[in-house]
């Protein structure tokens, strides 16, 4: 799973994680819910990521697994850029 995400991705993610301290390192395996991501923040995060990364996240990708950790979310986002057969 790729974990070298873009600064834009991390910035948007941090904006929606109220329990993540500004100087705290964001680990790929961190539980987003433990960092304050709730259902409303998830919707706002989705919109923020679509705007910042200039993409559209299909409904099929809106799963708890994809929004569980930063690493899982980044893997889902990078899969959008990978051509599907």
C-alpha atoms as a PDB file:
ATOM      1  CA  UNK A   1       0.000   0.000   0.000  1.00  0.00           C
ATOM      2  CA  UNK A   2       1.550   3.323  -1.004  1.00  0.00           C
ATOM      3  CA  UNK A   3       2.077   5.677   1.924  1.00  0.00           C
ATOM      4  CA  UNK A   4       3.989   8.549   0.332  1.00  0.00           C
ATOM      5  CA  UNK A   5       1.049  10.848  -0.105  1.00  0.00           C
ATOM      6  CA  UNK A   6       1.068  14.390  -1.446  1.00  0.00           C
ATOM      7  CA  UNK A   7       1.203  17.466   0.777  1.00  0.00           C
ATOM      8  CA  UNK A   8      -2.252  18.460  -0.535  1.00  0.00           C
ATOM      9  CA  UNK A   9      -3.704  15.132   0.623  1.00  0.00           C
ATOM     10  CA  UNK A  10      -2.243  15.500   4.107  1.00  0.00           C
ATOM     11  CA  UNK A  11      -3.326  19.130   4.393  1.00  0.00           C
ATOM     12  CA  UNK A  12      -6.949  18.315   3.542  1.00  0.00           C
ATOM     13  CA  UNK A  13      -6.906  15.311   5.833  1.00  0.00           C
ATOM     14  CA  UNK A  14      -5.496  17.323   8.753  1.00  0.00           C
ATOM     15  CA  UNK A  15      -8.229  19.949   8.299  1.00  0.00           C
ATOM     16  CA  UNK A  16     -10.820  17.264   9.130  1.00  0.00           C
ATOM     17  CA  UNK A  17      -9.053  15.561  12.053  1.00  0.00           C
ATOM     18  CA  UNK A  18      -9.708  17.727  15.119  1.00  0.00           C
ATOM     19  CA  UNK A  19      -7.881  15.399  17.512  1.00  0.00           C
ATOM     20  CA  UNK A  20      -4.637  15.396  15.499  1.00  0.00           C
ATOM     21  CA  UNK A  21      -2.186  17.895  16.961  1.00  0.00           C
ATOM     22  CA  UNK A  22      -0.540  20.268  14.462  1.00  0.00           C
ATOM     23  CA  UNK A  23       2.929  18.920  15.271  1.00  0.00           C
ATOM     24  CA  UNK A  24       1.827  15.259  15.455  1.00  0.00           C
ATOM     25  CA  UNK A  25       3.099  12.972  12.689  1.00  0.00           C
ATOM     26  CA  UNK A  26       0.241  11.436  10.699  1.00  0.00           C
ATOM     27  CA  UNK A  27       0.873   7.692  10.496  1.00  0.00           C
ATOM     28  CA  UNK A  28      -0.520   5.640   7.599  1.00  0.00           C
ATOM     29  CA  UNK A  29      -2.093   3.151  10.019  1.00  0.00           C
ATOM     30  CA  UNK A  30      -3.724   5.730  12.336  1.00  0.00           C
ATOM     31  CA  UNK A  31      -7.452   5.203  12.833  1.00  0.00           C
ATOM     32  CA  UNK A  32      -9.197   8.255  11.406  1.00  0.00           C
ATOM     33  CA  UNK A  33     -12.124   7.893  13.804  1.00  0.00           C
ATOM     34  CA  UNK A  34      -9.692   7.983  16.738  1.00  0.00           C
ATOM     35  CA  UNK A  35      -8.419  11.302  15.350  1.00  0.00           C
ATOM     36  CA  UNK A  36     -11.919  12.786  15.333  1.00  0.00           C
ATOM     37  CA  UNK A  37     -13.289  11.885  11.895  1.00  0.00           C
ATOM     38  CA  UNK A  38     -17.049  11.439  12.228  1.00  0.00           C
ATOM     39  CA  UNK A  39     -19.762  11.029   9.586  1.00  0.00           C
ATOM     40  CA  UNK A  40     -20.163  14.760   8.916  1.00  0.00           C
ATOM     41  CA  UNK A  41     -16.405  15.277   8.744  1.00  0.00           C
ATOM     42  CA  UNK A  42     -16.159  12.325   6.342  1.00  0.00           C
ATOM     43  CA  UNK A  43     -18.503  14.059   3.897  1.00  0.00           C
ATOM     44  CA  UNK A  44     -16.548  17.307   4.247  1.00  0.00           C
ATOM     45  CA  UNK A  45     -13.280  15.388   3.781  1.00  0.00           C
ATOM     46  CA  UNK A  46     -14.643  13.772   0.635  1.00  0.00           C
ATOM     47  CA  UNK A  47     -15.527  17.165  -0.849  1.00  0.00           C
ATOM     48  CA  UNK A  48     -12.187  18.633   0.213  1.00  0.00           C
ATOM     49  CA  UNK A  49     -10.231  15.787  -1.381  1.00  0.00           C
ATOM     50  CA  UNK A  50     -12.203  16.004  -4.614  1.00  0.00           C
ATOM     51  CA  UNK A  51     -11.522  19.738  -4.819  1.00  0.00           C
ATOM     52  CA  UNK A  52      -7.852  19.619  -3.806  1.00  0.00           C
ATOM     53  CA  UNK A  53      -6.948  16.623  -5.944  1.00  0.00           C
ATOM     54  CA  UNK A  54      -9.230  17.587  -8.823  1.00  0.00           C
ATOM     55  CA  UNK A  55     -10.946  14.229  -9.000  1.00  0.00           C
ATOM     56  CA  UNK A  56     -14.301  12.610  -8.405  1.00  0.00           C
ATOM     57  CA  UNK A  57     -14.566   9.801  -5.907  1.00  0.00           C
ATOM     58  CA  UNK A  58     -17.116   7.252  -7.117  1.00  0.00           C
ATOM     59  CA  UNK A  59     -19.840   6.117  -4.720  1.00  0.00           C
ATOM     60  CA  UNK A  60     -18.446   2.568  -4.799  1.00  0.00           C
ATOM     61  CA  UNK A  61     -15.315   3.841  -3.033  1.00  0.00           C
ATOM     62  CA  UNK A  62     -17.248   5.357  -0.137  1.00  0.00           C
ATOM     63  CA  UNK A  63     -16.647   2.442   2.208  1.00  0.00           C
ATOM     64  CA  UNK A  64     -15.631   2.321   5.860  1.00  0.00           C
ATOM     65  CA  UNK A  65     -12.519   0.399   4.819  1.00  0.00           C
ATOM     66  CA  UNK A  66     -11.340   3.177   2.485  1.00  0.00           C
ATOM     67  CA  UNK A  67     -11.895   5.816   5.179  1.00  0.00           C
ATOM     68  CA  UNK A  68     -10.394   3.768   8.037  1.00  0.00           C
ATOM     69  CA  UNK A  69      -6.802   5.017   7.915  1.00  0.00           C
ATOM     70  CA  UNK A  70      -4.760   7.593   5.996  1.00  0.00           C
ATOM     71  CA  UNK A  71      -2.945   4.754   4.221  1.00  0.00           C
ATOM     72  CA  UNK A  72      -6.160   3.084   3.095  1.00  0.00           C
ATOM     73  CA  UNK A  73      -7.619   6.384   1.935  1.00  0.00           C
ATOM     74  CA  UNK A  74      -4.466   7.282   0.007  1.00  0.00           C
ATOM     75  CA  UNK A  75      -4.442   3.828  -1.636  1.00  0.00           C
ATOM     76  CA  UNK A  76      -8.049   4.384  -2.711  1.00  0.00           C
ATOM     77  CA  UNK A  77      -7.206   7.849  -4.063  1.00  0.00           C
ATOM     78  CA  UNK A  78      -4.205   6.591  -6.031  1.00  0.00           C
ATOM     79  CA  UNK A  79      -6.306   3.826  -7.524  1.00  0.00           C
ATOM     80  CA  UNK A  80      -8.350   6.555  -9.220  1.00  0.00           C
ATOM     81  CA  UNK A  81      -5.263   7.597 -11.184  1.00  0.00           C
ATOM     82  CA  UNK A  82      -4.424   4.007 -12.179  1.00  0.00           C
ATOM     83  CA  UNK A  83      -6.025   2.914 -15.461  1.00  0.00           C
ATOM     84  CA  UNK A  84      -8.420   0.028 -14.917  1.00  0.00           C
ATOM     85  CA  UNK A  85      -8.505  -2.843 -17.469  1.00  0.00           C
END
